[in-house]
C-alpha atoms as a PDB file:
ATOM      1  CA  MET A   1     -74.148-122.589 -88.698  1.00  0.00           C
ATOM      2  CA  GLY A   2     -70.791-121.746 -87.760  1.00  0.00           C
ATOM      3  CA  ALA A   3     -71.122-123.392 -84.326  1.00  0.00           C
ATOM      4  CA  SER A   4     -72.681-126.529 -86.449  1.00  0.00           C
ATOM      5  CA  ARG A   5     -69.494-127.172 -88.231  1.00  0.00           C
ATOM      6  CA  PHE A   6     -67.084-126.506 -85.093  1.00  0.00           C
ATOM      7  CA  ALA A   7     -68.761-129.627 -83.228  1.00  0.00           C
ATOM      8  CA  PHE A   8     -68.649-130.976 -86.615  1.00  0.00           C
ATOM      9  CA  LEU A   9     -64.767-130.909 -86.436  1.00  0.00           C
ATOM     10  CA  VAL A  10     -64.320-131.464 -82.784  1.00  0.00           C
ATOM     11  CA  ALA A  11     -65.938-134.897 -83.598  1.00  0.00           C
ATOM     12  CA  LEU A  12     -64.044-135.701 -86.439  1.00  0.00           C
ATOM     13  CA  GLY A  13     -60.800-136.947 -84.061  1.00  0.00           C
ATOM     14  CA  MET A  14     -62.877-139.743 -82.765  1.00  0.00           C
ATOM     15  CA  ALA A  15     -65.487-140.751 -85.292  1.00  0.00           C
ATOM     16  CA  VAL A  16     -62.817-141.820 -88.032  1.00  0.00           C
ATOM     17  CA  LEU A  17     -61.212-144.133 -85.093  1.00  0.00           C
ATOM     18  CA  ALA A  18     -64.099-146.741 -85.418  1.00  0.00           C
ATOM     19  CA  PRO A  19     -63.800-149.120 -88.276  1.00  0.00           C
ATOM     20  CA  ALA A  20     -66.849-149.134 -90.674  1.00  0.00           C
ATOM     21  CA  SER A  21     -67.200-152.693 -90.570  1.00  0.00           C
ATOM     22  CA  ALA A  22     -64.865-155.970 -89.117  1.00  0.00           C
ATOM     23  CA  GLU A  23     -64.267-156.836 -92.776  1.00  0.00           C
ATOM     24  CA  ALA A  24     -63.032-153.907 -94.247  1.00  0.00           C
ATOM     25  CA  LYS A  25     -60.674-152.306 -91.494  1.00  0.00           C
ATOM     26  CA  LEU A  26     -59.388-150.124 -93.872  1.00  0.00           C
ATOM     27  CA  GLU A  27     -62.788-148.414 -94.214  1.00  0.00           C
ATOM     28  CA  PHE A  28     -64.024-146.032 -91.212  1.00  0.00           C
ATOM     29  CA  ASN A  29     -67.143-143.912 -90.393  1.00  0.00           C
ATOM     30  CA  LEU A  30     -67.030-140.741 -91.705  1.00  0.00           C
ATOM     31  CA  PRO A  31     -68.897-137.482 -89.878  1.00  0.00           C
ATOM     32  CA  ALA A  32     -70.721-135.638 -92.655  1.00  0.00           C
ATOM     33  CA  GLN A  33     -74.148-133.709 -92.321  1.00  0.00           C
ATOM     34  CA  VAL A  34     -76.706-131.442 -94.434  1.00  0.00           C
ATOM     35  CA  TYR A  35     -75.373-127.946 -94.408  1.00  0.00           C
ATOM     36  CA  LEU A  36     -77.206-125.166 -95.477  1.00  0.00           C
ATOM     37  CA  GLN A  37     -75.975-122.248 -97.443  1.00  0.00           C
ATOM     38  CA  SER A  38     -78.470-119.340 -96.945  1.00  0.00           C
ATOM     39  CA  ASP A  39     -78.336-116.379 -99.919  1.00  0.00           C
ATOM     40  CA  ASP A  40     -79.989-113.172 -99.607  1.00  0.00           C
ATOM     41  CA  SER A  41     -78.414-111.627-102.435  1.00  0.00           C
ATOM     42  CA  GLY A  42     -81.413-111.526-105.222  1.00  0.00           C
ATOM     43  CA  ARG A  43     -83.307-109.101-102.992  1.00  0.00           C
ATOM     44  CA  SER A  44     -84.242-106.056-104.462  1.00  0.00           C
ATOM     45  CA  ALA A  45     -86.621-103.495-104.273  1.00  0.00           C
ATOM     46  CA  ALA A  46     -89.182-105.262-105.776  1.00  0.00           C
ATOM     47  CA  ASP A  47     -88.286-107.954-103.775  1.00  0.00           C
ATOM     48  CA  PRO A  48     -86.866-107.213-100.492  1.00  0.00           C
ATOM     49  CA  ASN A  49     -87.185-110.824 -99.163  1.00  0.00           C
ATOM     50  CA  ARG A  50     -85.934-112.970-101.190  1.00  0.00           C
ATOM     51  CA  CYS A  51     -83.861-115.811-100.059  1.00  0.00           C
ATOM     52  CA  THR A  52     -82.487-119.116-101.460  1.00  0.00           C
ATOM     53  CA  VAL A  53     -81.272-121.655 -99.460  1.00  0.00           C
ATOM     54  CA  VAL A  54     -79.047-124.596-101.159  1.00  0.00           C
ATOM     55  CA  ALA A  55     -78.493-127.571 -99.879  1.00  0.00           C
ATOM     56  CA  PHE A  56     -75.318-129.393 -99.350  1.00  0.00           C
ATOM     57  CA  ALA A  57     -74.405-132.832 -98.014  1.00  0.00           C
ATOM     58  CA  GLU A  58     -70.629-132.053 -96.371  1.00  0.00           C
ATOM     59  CA  PHE A  59     -67.663-134.092 -95.336  1.00  0.00           C
ATOM     60  CA  PRO A  60     -64.221-133.129 -93.943  1.00  0.00           C
ATOM     61  CA  LYS A  61     -61.369-134.312 -96.384  1.00  0.00           C
ATOM     62  CA  ILE A  62     -58.947-136.795 -94.729  1.00  0.00           C
ATOM     63  CA  LYS A  63     -55.619-137.435 -95.002  1.00  0.00           C
ATOM     64  CA  SER A  64     -54.201-140.203 -97.132  1.00  0.00           C
ATOM     65  CA  ALA A  65     -57.776-141.011 -97.952  1.00  0.00           C
ATOM     66  CA  LYS A  66     -58.671-143.171-101.272  1.00  0.00           C
ATOM     67  CA  GLY A  67     -62.018-142.816-101.363  1.00  0.00           C
ATOM     68  CA  TYR A  68     -65.238-141.175 -99.800  1.00  0.00           C
ATOM     69  CA  GLU A  69     -68.696-142.759 -99.837  1.00  0.00           C
ATOM     70  CA  LEU A  70     -72.082-141.190 -98.289  1.00  0.00           C
ATOM     71  CA  ASN A  71     -75.562-142.503 -98.813  1.00  0.00           C
ATOM     72  CA  ILE A  72     -77.737-140.045 -98.377  1.00  0.00           C
ATOM     73  CA  ARG A  73     -82.016-140.287 -97.846  1.00  0.00           C
ATOM     74  CA  LEU A  74     -84.338-137.908 -98.878  1.00  0.00           C
ATOM     75  CA  ASN A  75     -86.565-137.909 -96.224  1.00  0.00           C
ATOM     76  CA  THR A  76     -90.040-136.286 -98.000  1.00  0.00           C
ATOM     77  CA  THR A  77     -89.756-139.907 -99.991  1.00  0.00           C
ATOM     78  CA  GLY A  78     -87.685-142.218 -98.062  1.00  0.00           C
ATOM     79  CA  GLN A  79     -85.684-142.889-101.261  1.00  0.00           C
ATOM     80  CA  PHE A  80     -81.822-143.386-101.041  1.00  0.00           C
ATOM     81  CA  SER A  81     -78.928-142.096-103.748  1.00  0.00           C
ATOM     82  CA  GLN A  82     -75.509-142.598-103.175  1.00  0.00           C
ATOM     83  CA  ARG A  83     -72.319-139.939-103.896  1.00  0.00           C
ATOM     84  CA  LEU A  84     -69.127-141.052-104.261  1.00  0.00           C
ATOM     85  CA  ALA A  85     -65.346-139.124-104.411  1.00  0.00           C
ATOM     86  CA  PRO A  86     -62.551-138.639-105.975  1.00  0.00           C
ATOM     87  CA  PRO A  87     -63.858-137.441-108.345  1.00  0.00           C
ATOM     88  CA  PHE A  88     -65.108-134.370-105.852  1.00  0.00           C
ATOM     89  CA  GLN A  89     -67.919-131.787-107.121  1.00  0.00           C
ATOM     90  CA  THR A  90     -66.198-128.519-108.135  1.00  0.00           C
ATOM     91  CA  ASP A  91     -68.902-127.311-110.495  1.00  0.00           C
ATOM     92  CA  GLY A  92     -72.408-126.166-110.120  1.00  0.00           C
ATOM     93  CA  PHE A  93     -73.652-124.805-106.908  1.00  0.00           C
ATOM     94  CA  VAL A  94     -70.695-126.141-105.537  1.00  0.00           C
ATOM     95  CA  ALA A  95     -68.060-123.327-107.627  1.00  0.00           C
ATOM     96  CA  ARG A  96     -70.820-121.318-106.913  1.00  0.00           C
ATOM     97  CA  TYR A  97     -70.609-121.872-102.842  1.00  0.00           C
ATOM     98  CA  PRO A  98     -67.564-123.876-102.355  1.00  0.00           C
ATOM     99  CA  PRO A  99     -66.638-125.393 -98.991  1.00  0.00           C
ATOM    100  CA  PRO A 100     -63.825-124.260 -95.919  1.00  0.00           C
ATOM    101  CA  ALA A 101     -61.168-125.215 -96.538  1.00  0.00           C
ATOM    102  CA  GLY A 102     -60.632-129.044 -95.534  1.00  0.00           C
ATOM    103  CA  PHE A 103     -64.226-130.104 -96.511  1.00  0.00           C
ATOM    104  CA  ALA A 104     -65.712-131.289 -99.966  1.00  0.00           C
ATOM    105  CA  ARG A 105     -69.368-130.866-100.586  1.00  0.00           C
ATOM    106  CA  PHE A 106     -72.247-132.382-103.117  1.00  0.00           C
ATOM    107  CA  TYR A 107     -75.822-131.088-104.088  1.00  0.00           C
ATOM    108  CA  LEU A 108     -78.387-132.143-102.660  1.00  0.00           C
ATOM    109  CA  SER A 109     -81.322-128.852-103.681  1.00  0.00           C
ATOM    110  CA  LEU A 110     -81.905-125.632-102.792  1.00  0.00           C
ATOM    111  CA  TYR A 111     -85.308-123.495-101.733  1.00  0.00           C
ATOM    112  CA  SER A 112     -85.933-119.838-102.960  1.00  0.00           C
ATOM    113  CA  THR A 113     -89.076-117.850-101.478  1.00  0.00           C
ATOM    114  CA  GLY A 114     -89.601-114.213-101.329  1.00  0.00           C
ATOM    115  CA  GLN A 115     -90.673-114.613 -97.837  1.00  0.00           C
ATOM    116  CA  GLY A 116     -87.257-114.648 -96.517  1.00  0.00           C
ATOM    117  CA  CYS A 117     -84.575-116.707 -95.138  1.00  0.00           C
ATOM    118  CA  ALA A 118     -86.020-118.232 -92.067  1.00  0.00           C
ATOM    119  CA  ASN A 119     -88.921-119.073 -94.145  1.00  0.00           C
ATOM    120  CA  ALA A 120     -86.429-120.864 -97.036  1.00  0.00           C
ATOM    121  CA  ILE A 121     -84.633-122.839 -94.274  1.00  0.00           C
ATOM    122  CA  ALA A 122     -87.742-124.224 -92.599  1.00  0.00           C
ATOM    123  CA  ASN A 123     -88.971-125.706 -95.903  1.00  0.00           C
ATOM    124  CA  ILE A 124     -85.528-127.407 -97.072  1.00  0.00           C
ATOM    125  CA  ASP A 125     -84.550-127.858 -93.207  1.00  0.00           C
ATOM    126  CA  ARG A 126     -84.814-132.027 -92.385  1.00  0.00           C
ATOM    127  CA  LYS A 127     -85.646-132.797 -95.909  1.00  0.00           C
ATOM    128  CA  TRP A 128     -82.410-134.891 -96.840  1.00  0.00           C
ATOM    129  CA  SER A 129     -80.201-137.052 -93.610  1.00  0.00           C
ATOM    130  CA  ILE A 130     -77.062-138.664 -93.982  1.00  0.00           C
ATOM    131  CA  ALA A 131     -78.002-142.628 -93.963  1.00  0.00           C
ATOM    132  CA  SER A 132     -74.081-143.336 -93.575  1.00  0.00           C
ATOM    133  CA  ALA A 133     -70.680-141.908 -94.435  1.00  0.00           C
ATOM    134  CA  LYS A 134     -67.199-143.776 -95.126  1.00  0.00           C
ATOM    135  CA  VAL A 135     -64.026-142.944 -95.861  1.00  0.00           C
ATOM    136  CA  SER A 136     -61.895-145.878 -97.820  1.00  0.00           C
ATOM    137  CA  LEU A 137     -58.101-145.871 -96.806  1.00  0.00           C
ATOM    138  CA  ASP A 138     -57.615-148.919 -99.302  1.00  0.00           C
ATOM    139  CA  LYS A 139     -55.102-148.304-102.021  1.00  0.00           C
ATOM    140  CA  ALA A 140     -56.728-151.093-104.113  1.00  0.00           C
ATOM    141  CA  PHE A 141     -59.738-147.768-104.191  1.00  0.00           C
ATOM    142  CA  GLU A 142     -57.473-146.369-106.877  1.00  0.00           C
ATOM    143  CA  LYS A 143     -56.988-149.152-109.512  1.00  0.00           C
ATOM    144  CA  ARG A 144     -60.738-151.022-108.886  1.00  0.00           C
ATOM    145  CA  PHE A 145     -62.768-149.540-111.570  1.00  0.00           C
ATOM    146  CA  ARG A 146     -59.507-149.055-114.595  1.00  0.00           C
ATOM    147  CA  LYS A 147     -59.480-152.921-113.857  1.00  0.00           C
ATOM    148  CA  ILE A 148     -62.801-154.048-114.386  1.00  0.00           C
ATOM    149  CA  ASP A 149     -62.812-151.834-117.336  1.00  0.00           C
ATOM    150  CA  GLN A 150     -60.610-153.970-119.243  1.00  0.00           C
ATOM    151  CA  GLY A 151     -62.655-156.691-122.182  1.00  0.00           C
ATOM    152  CA  PRO A 152     -62.564-158.478-124.226  1.00  0.00           C
ATOM    153  CA  LEU A 153     -66.629-159.347-123.523  1.00  0.00           C
ATOM    154  CA  VAL A 154     -67.409-162.567-124.313  1.00  0.00           C
ATOM    155  CA  CYS A 155     -70.909-163.865-123.614  1.00  0.00           C
ATOM    156  CA  ALA A 156     -71.412-165.141-119.912  1.00  0.00           C
ATOM    157  CA  VAL A 157     -75.237-166.963-120.157  1.00  0.00           C
ATOM    158  CA  VAL A 158     -78.020-167.568-122.599  1.00  0.00           C
ATOM    159  CA  PRO A 159     -81.546-166.938-121.962  1.00  0.00           C
ATOM    160  CA  GLY A 160     -83.154-169.052-119.285  1.00  0.00           C
ATOM    161  CA  SER A 161     -79.842-169.578-117.455  1.00  0.00           C
ATOM    162  CA  GLY A 162     -80.415-169.198-113.767  1.00  0.00           C
ATOM    163  CA  THR A 163     -76.372-169.497-112.347  1.00  0.00           C
ATOM    164  CA  VAL A 164     -73.034-167.666-113.380  1.00  0.00           C
ATOM    165  CA  LYS A 165     -69.954-168.593-111.826  1.00  0.00           C
ATOM    166  CA  LEU A 166     -66.956-166.235-112.900  1.00  0.00           C
ATOM    167  CA  GLY A 167     -63.147-166.290-111.843  1.00  0.00           C
ATOM    168  CA  GLY A 168     -61.828-164.642-108.787  1.00  0.00           C
ATOM    169  CA  TRP A 169     -64.916-163.720-107.013  1.00  0.00           C
ATOM    170  CA  GLY A 170     -63.314-164.705-103.836  1.00  0.00           C
ATOM    171  CA  GLY A 171     -61.362-162.339-102.365  1.00  0.00           C
ATOM    172  CA  ASP A 172     -62.470-160.044 -99.184  1.00  0.00           C
ATOM    173  CA  GLY A 173     -66.229-160.659-101.074  1.00  0.00           C
ATOM    174  CA  ARG A 174     -66.765-157.036-102.150  1.00  0.00           C
ATOM    175  CA  ARG A 175     -68.016-156.408-105.595  1.00  0.00           C
ATOM    176  CA  ILE A 176     -67.860-153.029-107.700  1.00  0.00           C
ATOM    177  CA  ILE A 177     -71.161-151.846-109.041  1.00  0.00           C
ATOM    178  CA  VAL A 178     -70.096-149.537-111.368  1.00  0.00           C
ATOM    179  CA  ARG A 179     -73.449-147.400-113.561  1.00  0.00           C
ATOM    180  CA  LYS A 180     -72.766-146.968-117.265  1.00  0.00           C
ATOM    181  CA  GLN A 181     -75.704-145.280-118.008  1.00  0.00           C
ATOM    182  CA  GLY A 182     -79.046-145.189-117.638  1.00  0.00           C
ATOM    183  CA  THR A 183     -80.956-146.233-114.125  1.00  0.00           C
ATOM    184  CA  VAL A 184     -79.325-148.680-111.761  1.00  0.00           C
ATOM    185  CA  THR A 185     -80.334-149.740-108.300  1.00  0.00           C
ATOM    186  CA  THR A 186     -79.141-151.838-105.748  1.00  0.00           C
ATOM    187  CA  MET A 187     -80.803-153.517-102.576  1.00  0.00           C
ATOM    188  CA  GLU A 188     -78.756-155.004 -99.829  1.00  0.00           C
ATOM    189  CA  GLU A 189     -79.543-158.596 -98.445  1.00  0.00           C
ATOM    190  CA  ASP A 190     -82.656-158.577 -95.778  1.00  0.00           C
ATOM    191  CA  SER A 191     -83.306-155.010 -96.986  1.00  0.00           C
ATOM    192  CA  ASN A 192     -86.596-153.537 -98.532  1.00  0.00           C
ATOM    193  CA  GLN A 193     -84.859-150.372 -99.550  1.00  0.00           C
ATOM    194  CA  SER A 194     -83.425-149.860-103.003  1.00  0.00           C
ATOM    195  CA  ILE A 195     -80.718-147.881-103.630  1.00  0.00           C
ATOM    196  CA  ASN A 196     -79.715-145.479-106.521  1.00  0.00           C
ATOM    197  CA  VAL A 197     -76.377-145.557-108.081  1.00  0.00           C
ATOM    198  CA  LEU A 198     -74.985-142.658-109.467  1.00  0.00           C
ATOM    199  CA  THR A 199     -71.262-143.411-110.506  1.00  0.00           C
ATOM    200  CA  ASN A 200     -70.122-146.266-108.551  1.00  0.00           C
ATOM    201  CA  ARG A 201     -70.443-148.560-105.205  1.00  0.00           C
ATOM    202  CA  TYR A 202     -69.651-151.412-103.414  1.00  0.00           C
ATOM    203  CA  ALA A 203     -72.134-154.465-102.539  1.00  0.00           C
ATOM    204  CA  GLY A 204     -71.499-157.886-100.772  1.00  0.00           C
ATOM    205  CA  THR A 205     -72.889-161.367-101.396  1.00  0.00           C
ATOM    206  CA  GLY A 206     -76.939-161.180-101.618  1.00  0.00           C
ATOM    207  CA  THR A 207     -77.341-157.743-102.868  1.00  0.00           C
ATOM    208  CA  THR A 208     -79.550-157.324-106.168  1.00  0.00           C
ATOM    209  CA  VAL A 209     -79.020-155.242-108.849  1.00  0.00           C
ATOM    210  CA  THR A 210     -81.329-153.896-110.989  1.00  0.00           C
ATOM    211  CA  THR A 211     -81.287-152.458-114.482  1.00  0.00           C
ATOM    212  CA  GLY A 212     -83.734-149.957-116.218  1.00  0.00           C
ATOM    213  CA  ARG A 213     -85.033-149.715-119.900  1.00  0.00           C
ATOM    214  CA  GLU A 214     -81.466-148.869-121.714  1.00  0.00           C
ATOM    215  CA  SER A 215     -79.830-149.160-118.610  1.00  0.00           C
ATOM    216  CA  VAL A 216     -76.178-150.905-118.775  1.00  0.00           C
ATOM    217  CA  VAL A 217     -73.963-151.843-115.276  1.00  0.00           C
ATOM    218  CA  LYS A 218     -70.776-153.136-114.587  1.00  0.00           C
ATOM    219  CA  ILE A 219     -70.443-155.516-111.637  1.00  0.00           C
ATOM    220  CA  GLY A 220     -66.852-156.980-110.645  1.00  0.00           C
ATOM    221  CA  ALA A 221     -64.484-158.076-108.197  1.00  0.00           C
ATOM    222  CA  LEU A 222     -61.105-157.155-107.455  1.00  0.00           C
ATOM    223  CA  GLY A 223     -58.763-159.208-109.402  1.00  0.00           C
ATOM    224  CA  GLY A 224     -61.156-161.230-110.479  1.00  0.00           C
ATOM    225  CA  GLN A 225     -63.835-161.279-113.550  1.00  0.00           C
ATOM    226  CA  SER A 226     -66.492-158.843-114.110  1.00  0.00           C
ATOM    227  CA  VAL A 227     -69.861-158.869-115.913  1.00  0.00           C
ATOM    228  CA  LEU A 228     -71.743-156.199-118.213  1.00  0.00           C
ATOM    229  CA  VAL A 229     -74.983-156.308-117.357  1.00  0.00           C
ATOM    230  CA  GLY A 230     -77.484-154.925-119.892  1.00  0.00           C
ATOM    231  CA  PRO A 231     -81.345-153.416-119.881  1.00  0.00           C
ATOM    232  CA  ASN A 232     -84.285-154.899-117.647  1.00  0.00           C
ATOM    233  CA  THR A 233     -82.382-157.032-115.855  1.00  0.00           C
ATOM    234  CA  THR A 234     -81.709-158.261-112.119  1.00  0.00           C
ATOM    235  CA  ILE A 235     -79.228-160.439-110.722  1.00  0.00           C
ATOM    236  CA  ARG A 236     -78.597-161.190-106.891  1.00  0.00           C
ATOM    237  CA  LEU A 237     -74.639-161.413-105.926  1.00  0.00           C
ATOM    238  CA  THR A 238     -73.541-164.415-104.858  1.00  0.00           C
ATOM    239  CA  ASP A 239     -70.213-165.964-103.162  1.00  0.00           C
ATOM    240  CA  GLU A 240     -68.820-167.283-106.600  1.00  0.00           C
ATOM    241  CA  GLY A 241     -70.768-164.992-109.320  1.00  0.00           C
ATOM    242  CA  PHE A 242     -74.725-164.338-109.502  1.00  0.00           C
ATOM    243  CA  ASP A 243     -77.873-165.615-109.960  1.00  0.00           C
ATOM    244  CA  VAL A 244     -80.042-164.418-112.402  1.00  0.00           C
ATOM    245  CA  VAL A 245     -83.653-163.109-110.929  1.00  0.00           C
ATOM    246  CA  LYS A 246     -84.952-161.872-114.125  1.00  0.00           C
ATOM    247  CA  GLN A 247     -83.635-161.196-117.616  1.00  0.00           C
ATOM    248  CA  PRO A 248     -85.520-160.348-120.936  1.00  0.00           C
ATOM    249  CA  ARG A 249     -87.297-163.170-123.083  1.00  0.00           C
ATOM    250  CA  ARG A 250     -85.751-162.158-126.367  1.00  0.00           C
ATOM    251  CA  PRO A 251     -82.076-160.830-127.624  1.00  0.00           C
ATOM    252  CA  VAL A 252     -81.917-157.544-127.030  1.00  0.00           C
ATOM    253  CA  ARG A 253     -79.400-154.767-128.592  1.00  0.00           C
ATOM    254  CA  TRP A 254     -78.200-151.706-126.704  1.00  0.00           C
ATOM    255  CA  LYS A 255     -75.015-149.738-126.908  1.00  0.00           C
ATOM    256  CA  ILE A 256     -73.604-147.537-124.146  1.00  0.00           C
ATOM    257  CA  LYS A 257     -74.204-143.481-124.665  1.00  0.00           C
ATOM    258  CA  ASN A 258     -71.360-140.646-124.629  1.00  0.00           C
ATOM    259  CA  ARG A 259     -68.386-142.660-124.293  1.00  0.00           C
ATOM    260  CA  PRO A 260     -65.127-140.605-125.017  1.00  0.00           C
ATOM    261  CA  ASP A 261     -64.076-143.184-127.778  1.00  0.00           C
ATOM    262  CA  GLY A 262     -67.321-143.475-129.553  1.00  0.00           C
ATOM    263  CA  ASP A 263     -70.426-145.592-128.767  1.00  0.00           C
ATOM    264  CA  TYR A 264     -69.379-149.092-126.974  1.00  0.00           C
ATOM    265  CA  LYS A 265     -72.192-150.892-129.758  1.00  0.00           C
ATOM    266  CA  VAL A 266     -73.047-154.678-128.466  1.00  0.00           C
ATOM    267  CA  ARG A 267     -75.336-157.411-129.906  1.00  0.00           C
ATOM    268  CA  THR A 268     -75.851-159.972-126.954  1.00  0.00           C
ATOM    269  CA  CYS A 269     -77.143-163.176-126.771  1.00  0.00           C
ATOM    270  CA  ASN A 270     -79.048-161.604-123.644  1.00  0.00           C
ATOM    271  CA  ALA A 271     -78.642-159.027-121.471  1.00  0.00           C
ATOM    272  CA  VAL A 272     -75.392-160.554-119.534  1.00  0.00           C
ATOM    273  CA  LEU A 273     -71.698-160.744-120.603  1.00  0.00           C
ATOM    274  CA  SER A 274     -68.719-161.439-119.082  1.00  0.00           C
ATOM    275  CA  ALA A 275     -65.339-159.378-119.501  1.00  0.00           C
ATOM    276  CA  ARG A 276     -62.032-161.004-117.705  1.00  0.00           C
ATOM    277  CA  GLY A 277     -60.113-157.815-115.879  1.00  0.00           C
END
């Protein structure tokens, strides 16, 4: 594993020089890897071959970086998930097995067996892969979520409406998807693979955003208006706002749970509201 990380460091100097896309010149490809941490400290006389192997998504910290985005694939199911920093994960297994200086980690999964470390590694190796990893040097990264969380909220559409136009949605075309609670997935245009939004992510025109039961997502544009989308709704992002693909037939009530300032109760005319950011 030491040799793997050494090669990882050597590649770093070249990898961050390649822009992640032509449109986002301040976002660069980031070298990241799945790192396996072995631990046989649980061995005992009754269990002499006990070994635990923990899988992490590991990446180097870049000077002056404002944010990191990793898209991770669970190879056994083909499902994708996303990790974003800051904040960096510092609890749980990351606290127990901290990364070396200059690196950060996200916990993925573990496998423990009484048949030795070779067996444990064989069972978890290649379970995960890094689909893409980016680092952002954009100063707006630091302000984007605070800006779109501003109110007040007003009703944006009524049941049956198909298109919603929102102010300030020009710019660089990036939209900010922030999961507030429940299950939120996105699917990019010309793709058939959905991505679970665990905290937040960027999305562009053509991306569909879907909320599950008792789920809420906030969608906004840098410097523009934002929308709060309630349960069981699917929208497709456009250059000027979004098209409503699916929404509840009747008005719904829901609240955002576990807010620091108390429950954020909303009684909607349907599942979509807008807020000026």
